[in-house]
Protein backbone atom coordinates (compact mmCIF):
# COMPACT_ATOMS: atom_id res chain seq x y z
CA MET A 1 -0.74 -21.39 14.06
CA ILE A 2 1.21 -22.80 11.11
CA ALA A 3 4.94 -22.33 11.28
CA ALA A 4 6.75 -20.68 8.37
CA SER A 5 8.96 -22.93 6.14
CA PRO A 6 12.73 -22.22 6.37
CA ALA A 7 12.54 -20.85 2.83
CA LEU A 8 9.81 -18.45 3.69
CA GLN A 9 11.38 -17.42 6.89
CA ALA A 10 14.64 -16.63 4.99
CA ALA A 11 12.56 -14.53 2.54
CA ARG A 12 11.03 -12.63 5.37
CA SER A 13 14.26 -11.67 7.15
CA PHE A 14 16.87 -9.15 6.10
CA GLU A 15 20.08 -8.50 7.86
CA LEU A 16 22.05 -5.25 7.90
CA ARG A 17 24.62 -3.27 9.93
CA VAL A 18 24.31 0.20 11.10
CA TYR A 19 26.86 2.53 9.43
CA TRP A 20 28.00 5.98 10.26
CA GLU A 21 25.87 7.43 7.61
CA ASP A 22 22.82 5.96 9.33
CA THR A 23 23.41 7.78 12.61
CA ASP A 24 23.21 11.15 14.09
CA ALA A 25 26.15 13.01 15.92
CA ALA A 26 25.58 10.82 19.02
CA GLY A 27 25.93 7.56 17.08
CA ILE A 28 22.13 6.72 17.30
CA VAL A 29 20.18 5.70 14.18
CA TYR A 30 18.30 8.62 12.80
CA TYR A 31 14.56 7.82 13.00
CA ALA A 32 13.83 8.14 9.27
CA ASN A 33 16.61 5.62 8.43
CA TYR A 34 14.44 2.79 9.95
CA LEU A 35 12.08 3.47 7.05
CA LYS A 36 14.90 2.96 4.68
CA PHE A 37 15.91 -0.29 6.34
CA ALA A 38 12.33 -1.50 6.02
CA GLU A 39 12.12 -0.54 2.41
CA ARG A 40 15.27 -2.50 1.71
CA ALA A 41 13.83 -5.56 3.51
CA ARG A 42 10.62 -5.43 1.51
CA THR A 43 12.52 -5.09 -1.76
CA GLU A 44 14.77 -8.03 -0.85
CA MET A 45 11.77 -10.15 0.26
CA LEU A 46 10.12 -9.57 -3.15
CA ARG A 47 13.42 -10.41 -4.87
CA ARG A 48 13.70 -13.67 -2.95
CA LEU A 49 10.19 -14.49 -4.01
CA GLY A 50 11.25 -14.02 -7.60
CA VAL A 51 9.80 -10.50 -8.11
CA GLY A 52 12.20 -7.87 -9.05
CA GLN A 53 10.67 -4.51 -8.78
CA ASP A 54 12.18 -2.99 -11.87
CA ALA A 55 11.21 -6.06 -13.94
CA LEU A 56 7.69 -5.78 -12.52
CA ARG A 57 7.60 -2.14 -13.67
CA ARG A 58 8.85 -2.98 -17.12
CA SER A 59 6.83 -6.09 -17.63
CA ALA A 60 3.55 -5.31 -15.98
CA GLY A 61 3.70 -1.53 -15.78
CA VAL A 62 3.04 -1.44 -12.00
CA VAL A 63 4.95 -0.23 -8.95
CA PHE A 64 4.26 -0.24 -5.23
CA ALA A 65 4.14 3.02 -3.22
CA VAL A 66 3.67 3.42 0.58
CA LYS A 67 0.19 4.72 1.12
CA ARG A 68 0.20 4.56 4.87
CA CYS A 69 2.88 3.94 7.43
CA CYS A 70 2.85 3.85 11.23
CA ALA A 71 6.07 3.27 13.17
CA GLU A 72 6.56 2.78 16.84
CA TYR A 73 10.08 3.35 18.05
CA LEU A 74 10.74 1.24 21.18
CA ALA A 75 14.61 1.45 21.56
CA PRO A 76 17.44 3.02 19.62
CA ALA A 77 20.04 1.24 17.44
CA ARG A 78 23.54 2.46 17.53
CA LEU A 79 26.53 2.55 15.28
CA ASP A 80 27.90 -0.97 14.24
CA ASP A 81 24.76 -2.71 15.53
CA ALA A 82 23.73 -5.77 13.61
CA LEU A 83 20.02 -5.62 12.80
CA ARG A 84 17.40 -7.91 11.39
CA VAL A 85 14.26 -6.64 9.75
CA ASP A 86 11.41 -9.17 9.59
CA THR A 87 8.61 -8.61 7.04
CA VAL A 88 5.20 -10.31 7.22
CA LEU A 89 2.43 -9.77 4.56
CA THR A 90 -0.87 -9.54 6.47
CA GLN A 91 -3.45 -8.61 3.92
CA LEU A 92 -3.80 -8.72 0.12
CA GLY A 93 -6.26 -6.60 -1.71
CA HIS A 94 -7.02 -6.11 -5.36
CA ALA A 95 -4.72 -3.01 -5.61
CA SER A 96 -3.03 -2.99 -2.22
CA LEU A 97 -1.19 -5.06 0.33
CA GLU A 98 -0.58 -4.64 4.03
CA ALA A 99 2.57 -5.75 5.90
CA LYS A 100 4.07 -5.56 9.42
CA GLN A 101 7.77 -5.09 9.87
CA SER A 102 9.78 -5.39 12.90
CA ILE A 103 13.37 -4.31 13.40
CA TRP A 104 15.55 -6.36 15.90
CA ARG A 105 18.93 -6.17 17.50
CA GLU A 106 19.44 -9.79 18.51
CA THR A 107 16.40 -10.50 20.72
CA GLN A 108 15.51 -6.85 21.47
CA LEU A 109 12.67 -5.34 19.38
CA LEU A 110 13.56 -1.79 18.34
CA VAL A 111 10.91 -0.69 15.95
CA GLU A 112 7.43 -1.90 14.80
CA ILE A 113 6.14 -0.70 11.49
CA GLU A 114 2.69 -1.29 9.99
CA LEU A 115 2.10 -0.23 6.36
CA ARG A 116 -0.22 -0.32 3.45
CA LEU A 117 1.24 -0.41 -0.07
CA ALA A 118 -0.74 0.63 -3.08
CA CYS A 119 -0.16 -0.92 -6.51
CA LEU A 120 0.04 1.86 -9.14
CA GLY A 121 -0.09 1.73 -12.88
CA PRO A 122 1.87 3.90 -15.34
CA ASP A 123 -0.39 6.80 -14.66
CA LEU A 124 0.34 6.43 -10.98
CA ARG A 125 -3.33 5.69 -10.22
CA PRO A 126 -4.36 2.55 -8.36
CA ALA A 127 -4.02 -0.65 -10.44
CA ARG A 128 -4.89 -4.23 -9.89
CA ILE A 129 -2.03 -6.46 -8.68
CA PRO A 130 -1.10 -8.62 -11.70
CA PRO A 131 -2.53 -12.17 -11.29
CA ALA A 132 0.84 -13.97 -11.24
CA LEU A 133 2.20 -11.58 -8.57
CA ARG A 134 -1.06 -11.89 -6.63
CA ALA A 135 -0.76 -15.65 -6.57
CA THR A 136 2.85 -15.37 -5.34
CA LEU A 137 1.95 -12.98 -2.66
CA ALA A 138 -1.07 -14.95 -1.56
CA GLN A 139 1.15 -17.90 -0.87
CA HIS A 140 3.15 -15.82 1.54
CA LEU A 141 0.51 -14.24 3.58
CA ALA A 142 0.71 -14.69 7.27
CA PRO A 143 -2.01 -16.86 8.71
CA SER A 144 -4.83 -14.96 10.38
CA PRO A 145 -5.02 -15.28 14.11
CA GLY A 146 -7.96 -17.66 13.77
CA ASP A 147 -6.28 -19.88 11.20
CA THR A 148 -5.43 -23.48 12.18
CA ASP A 149 -3.34 -26.23 10.69
CA ASN A 150 -4.91 -29.37 9.16
CA ASN A 151 -5.12 -30.94 12.67
CA GLY A 152 -7.30 -28.14 14.16
CA HIS A 153 -4.41 -26.50 16.05
């Protein structure tokens, strides 16, 4: 498999800290807040790729909305934990994209999220991803399991 460049790896990772507001009375992150962490990570990834979501809405008239989301909770995060959210784009359709996100505390995987995002026009109906954005996203798709580098590896 082809290794991600340092710049791409930086775009794919988002770091955050768990605050009191993220937890329940026991100091454990409330399950829905992992989805907020993932949303922030996707927004920051797009921003690092030069795509501000508000600018995209104003200039191209499109927004992204979560169409499908599946989360598997493996271990809890707690108050003051430093977390990292990794985002990998896995598929790019004409009006949608798919991504996998993983939330880590150091080397421990806490949550895995798979999602499908729909590109929506001003009428909130599916719309084609604008060509310039599509080209940018295509450059950052994760290699498929069968992909190899130029040396056949």
